[in-house]
N, C-alpha and C. Protein backbone atom coordinates (compact mmCIF):
# COMPACT_ATOMS: atom_id res chain seq x y z
N MET A 1 86.64 85.06 114.53
CA MET A 1 87.56 85.89 113.74
C MET A 1 86.73 87.03 113.13
N LYS A 2 87.39 88.16 113.08
CA LYS A 2 86.66 89.31 112.49
C LYS A 2 86.45 89.20 111.01
N SER A 3 85.41 89.85 110.51
CA SER A 3 85.06 89.67 109.08
C SER A 3 86.06 90.41 108.15
N ASN A 4 86.83 91.32 108.64
CA ASN A 4 87.77 91.97 107.72
C ASN A 4 89.20 91.34 107.89
N ALA A 5 89.30 90.19 108.56
CA ALA A 5 90.59 89.53 108.71
C ALA A 5 90.74 88.47 107.68
N ILE A 6 92.04 88.15 107.42
CA ILE A 6 92.33 87.06 106.52
C ILE A 6 93.13 86.05 107.26
N ARG A 7 92.70 84.82 107.11
CA ARG A 7 93.32 83.70 107.82
C ARG A 7 94.54 83.23 107.02
N THR A 8 95.65 83.05 107.65
CA THR A 8 96.89 82.58 107.04
C THR A 8 97.58 81.58 108.06
N SER A 9 98.48 80.85 107.47
CA SER A 9 99.20 79.93 108.37
C SER A 9 100.73 79.95 108.01
N ILE A 10 101.52 79.67 109.05
CA ILE A 10 102.97 79.67 108.87
C ILE A 10 103.48 78.51 109.60
N ASP A 11 104.60 77.96 109.22
CA ASP A 11 105.27 76.85 109.84
C ASP A 11 106.34 77.38 110.75
N LEU A 12 106.28 77.17 112.05
CA LEU A 12 107.24 77.54 113.00
C LEU A 12 108.05 76.36 113.45
N PRO A 13 109.33 76.57 113.69
CA PRO A 13 110.15 75.46 114.31
C PRO A 13 109.57 75.19 115.59
N ARG A 14 109.64 73.95 116.16
CA ARG A 14 109.07 73.59 117.39
C ARG A 14 109.60 74.45 118.66
N ASP A 15 110.94 74.69 118.52
CA ASP A 15 111.42 75.45 119.70
C ASP A 15 110.91 76.88 119.67
N LEU A 16 110.78 77.52 118.50
CA LEU A 16 110.31 78.91 118.51
C LEU A 16 108.82 78.90 118.90
N HIS A 17 108.08 77.89 118.44
CA HIS A 17 106.65 77.85 118.84
C HIS A 17 106.46 77.71 120.38
N ARG A 18 107.32 76.88 121.00
CA ARG A 18 107.30 76.77 122.45
C ARG A 18 107.73 78.07 123.10
N ARG A 19 108.66 78.82 122.62
CA ARG A 19 109.04 80.03 123.21
C ARG A 19 108.05 81.09 123.02
N VAL A 20 107.38 81.12 121.87
CA VAL A 20 106.20 82.13 121.64
C VAL A 20 105.15 81.90 122.73
N ARG A 21 104.75 80.63 122.93
CA ARG A 21 103.68 80.31 123.81
C ARG A 21 104.12 80.64 125.28
N GLU A 22 105.33 80.43 125.60
CA GLU A 22 105.88 80.76 126.92
C GLU A 22 105.92 82.33 127.06
N ALA A 23 106.32 83.03 126.10
CA ALA A 23 106.36 84.46 126.15
C ALA A 23 104.95 85.04 126.37
N ALA A 24 104.01 84.49 125.58
CA ALA A 24 102.64 84.91 125.69
C ALA A 24 102.00 84.73 127.00
N ALA A 25 102.32 83.54 127.59
CA ALA A 25 101.89 83.12 128.99
C ALA A 25 102.44 84.12 129.97
N SER A 26 103.67 84.39 129.84
CA SER A 26 104.35 85.32 130.85
C SER A 26 103.78 86.72 130.75
N LYS A 27 103.37 87.12 129.53
CA LYS A 27 102.71 88.41 129.37
C LYS A 27 101.23 88.46 129.68
N GLY A 28 100.71 87.32 129.75
CA GLY A 28 99.27 87.11 130.04
C GLY A 28 98.33 87.40 128.88
N CYS A 29 98.86 87.00 127.71
CA CYS A 29 98.07 87.17 126.49
C CYS A 29 98.15 85.89 125.71
N SER A 30 97.45 85.87 124.61
CA SER A 30 97.43 84.67 123.73
C SER A 30 98.66 84.78 122.77
N ALA A 31 99.05 83.61 122.20
CA ALA A 31 100.14 83.57 121.25
C ALA A 31 99.80 84.37 120.06
N ARG A 32 98.48 84.29 119.67
CA ARG A 32 98.03 85.05 118.51
C ARG A 32 98.34 86.66 118.69
N LYS A 33 97.92 87.08 119.84
CA LYS A 33 98.14 88.57 120.13
C LYS A 33 99.57 88.86 120.14
N LEU A 34 100.44 88.02 120.69
CA LEU A 34 101.92 88.29 120.60
C LEU A 34 102.44 88.32 119.29
N ILE A 35 102.02 87.36 118.43
CA ILE A 35 102.46 87.31 117.04
C ILE A 35 101.96 88.55 116.21
N LEU A 36 100.71 88.92 116.44
CA LEU A 36 100.15 90.14 115.76
C LEU A 36 100.97 91.33 116.14
N ALA A 37 101.31 91.52 117.43
CA ALA A 37 102.03 92.68 117.86
C ALA A 37 103.40 92.65 117.23
N GLY A 38 104.03 91.54 117.09
CA GLY A 38 105.34 91.53 116.47
C GLY A 38 105.32 91.87 115.03
N ILE A 39 104.27 91.40 114.32
CA ILE A 39 104.12 91.72 112.92
C ILE A 39 103.87 93.21 112.75
N LYS A 40 102.99 93.78 113.51
CA LYS A 40 102.73 95.24 113.48
C LYS A 40 103.99 96.03 113.70
N ARG A 41 104.77 95.61 114.69
CA ARG A 41 105.97 96.30 115.00
C ARG A 41 106.94 96.24 113.80
N ALA A 42 107.08 95.10 113.18
CA ALA A 42 107.98 94.91 111.99
C ALA A 42 107.50 95.80 110.81
N VAL A 43 106.20 95.88 110.60
CA VAL A 43 105.62 96.75 109.50
C VAL A 43 105.94 98.17 109.75
N GLU A 44 105.70 98.63 111.04
CA GLU A 44 106.00 99.95 111.36
C GLU A 44 107.44 100.39 111.20
N GLU A 45 108.36 99.54 111.63
CA GLU A 45 109.77 99.70 111.46
C GLU A 45 110.16 99.83 110.01
N ALA A 46 109.52 98.97 109.15
CA ALA A 46 109.79 99.00 107.73
C ALA A 46 109.32 100.29 107.12
N LYS A 47 108.13 100.79 107.56
CA LYS A 47 107.61 102.03 107.08
C LYS A 47 108.47 103.17 107.47
N ALA A 48 109.01 103.12 108.79
CA ALA A 48 109.83 104.26 109.24
C ALA A 48 111.21 104.34 108.56
N SER A 49 111.68 103.23 107.96
CA SER A 49 112.99 103.18 107.41
C SER A 49 112.99 103.89 106.06
N ARG A 50 111.87 104.12 105.47
CA ARG A 50 111.82 104.82 104.13
C ARG A 50 112.34 106.28 104.26
N PRO A 51 112.97 106.79 103.34
CA PRO A 51 113.41 108.22 103.35
C PRO A 51 112.08 109.13 103.34
N LYS A 52 112.09 110.09 104.15
CA LYS A 52 110.94 110.96 104.20
C LYS A 52 111.19 112.22 103.44
N ARG A 53 112.46 112.46 102.92
CA ARG A 53 112.74 113.61 102.16
C ARG A 53 112.43 113.39 100.73
N ARG A 54 112.03 114.45 100.04
CA ARG A 54 111.83 114.29 98.64
C ARG A 54 113.07 114.74 97.86
N LEU A 55 113.25 114.39 96.67
CA LEU A 55 114.37 114.75 95.85
C LEU A 55 114.31 116.24 95.61
N ARG A 56 115.43 116.89 95.91
CA ARG A 56 115.54 118.37 95.54
C ARG A 56 115.76 118.61 94.10
N LEU A 57 115.10 119.56 93.56
CA LEU A 57 115.39 119.90 92.12
C LEU A 57 116.05 121.24 91.98
N ASP A 58 116.64 121.75 93.07
CA ASP A 58 117.44 122.98 92.99
C ASP A 58 118.91 122.58 93.26
N PRO A 59 119.78 122.57 92.44
CA PRO A 59 119.64 122.93 91.05
C PRO A 59 118.98 121.74 90.28
N PRO A 60 118.56 121.96 89.07
CA PRO A 60 117.93 120.88 88.32
C PRO A 60 118.90 119.69 88.07
N LEU A 61 118.34 118.52 87.93
CA LEU A 61 119.18 117.34 87.57
C LEU A 61 119.87 117.47 86.26
N ILE A 62 119.13 117.98 85.28
CA ILE A 62 119.66 118.11 83.90
C ILE A 62 119.61 119.62 83.64
N ARG A 63 120.79 120.15 83.29
CA ARG A 63 120.96 121.52 82.99
C ARG A 63 120.15 121.84 81.67
N PRO A 64 119.44 122.99 81.73
CA PRO A 64 118.72 123.38 80.38
C PRO A 64 119.71 123.74 79.31
N ALA A 65 119.40 123.37 78.11
CA ALA A 65 120.21 123.60 76.97
C ALA A 65 119.79 124.92 76.37
N GLY A 66 120.71 125.68 75.80
CA GLY A 66 120.41 126.95 75.16
C GLY A 66 120.37 128.12 76.12
N ARG A 67 119.89 129.23 75.63
CA ARG A 67 119.95 130.38 76.52
C ARG A 67 118.66 130.48 77.22
N ARG A 68 118.66 131.01 78.42
CA ARG A 68 117.46 131.20 79.29
C ARG A 68 116.65 132.43 78.84
N ILE A 69 115.36 132.18 78.91
CA ILE A 69 114.40 133.22 78.56
C ILE A 69 113.65 133.63 79.89
N HIS A 70 113.78 134.88 80.27
CA HIS A 70 113.08 135.32 81.42
C HIS A 70 111.83 136.13 81.07
N LEU A 71 110.78 135.45 81.35
CA LEU A 71 109.46 136.12 81.10
C LEU A 71 108.58 136.04 82.33
N THR A 72 107.78 136.94 82.53
CA THR A 72 106.81 137.00 83.65
C THR A 72 105.50 136.34 83.14
N ASN A 73 104.68 135.99 84.04
CA ASN A 73 103.42 135.39 83.71
C ASN A 73 102.62 136.25 82.70
N GLU A 74 102.62 137.60 82.94
CA GLU A 74 101.83 138.39 82.06
C GLU A 74 102.43 138.46 80.60
N GLU A 75 103.74 138.48 80.56
CA GLU A 75 104.37 138.42 79.20
C GLU A 75 104.06 137.02 78.50
N ILE A 76 104.04 136.00 79.20
CA ILE A 76 103.65 134.70 78.58
C ILE A 76 102.27 134.69 78.10
N TYR A 77 101.29 135.23 78.92
CA TYR A 77 99.93 135.33 78.51
C TYR A 77 99.70 136.17 77.26
N GLU A 78 100.51 137.19 77.16
CA GLU A 78 100.36 138.14 75.98
C GLU A 78 100.82 137.39 74.69
N ARG A 79 101.80 136.44 74.85
CA ARG A 79 102.36 135.77 73.67
C ARG A 79 101.54 134.57 73.21
N ILE A 80 100.72 134.04 74.05
CA ILE A 80 99.99 132.82 73.65
C ILE A 80 98.44 133.08 73.72
N GLU A 81 97.67 132.42 72.87
CA GLU A 81 96.26 132.58 72.84
C GLU A 81 95.59 131.50 73.71
N LEU A 82 94.81 131.83 74.55
CA LEU A 82 94.04 130.84 75.34
C LEU A 82 92.61 130.88 74.97
N PRO A 83 91.90 129.77 74.98
CA PRO A 83 90.48 129.77 74.53
C PRO A 83 89.62 130.49 75.49
């Protein structure tokens, strides 16, 4: 076993265990490799199902209260003191 691997165990129903071993034999690989491939595929599918878009803030979720003040960066820097 690889040094960066973690050993775990699961309980499989007998019928499923038999089918896993048969499927692995028909593919010419070990049951371990077949199970790992299935787990990797399930994790990738779960990752792909997440939304990739971010929440848009145009228009803002909460409307600003009061009147809007339109200032340029230069006007803001004139009004505040920076160290």
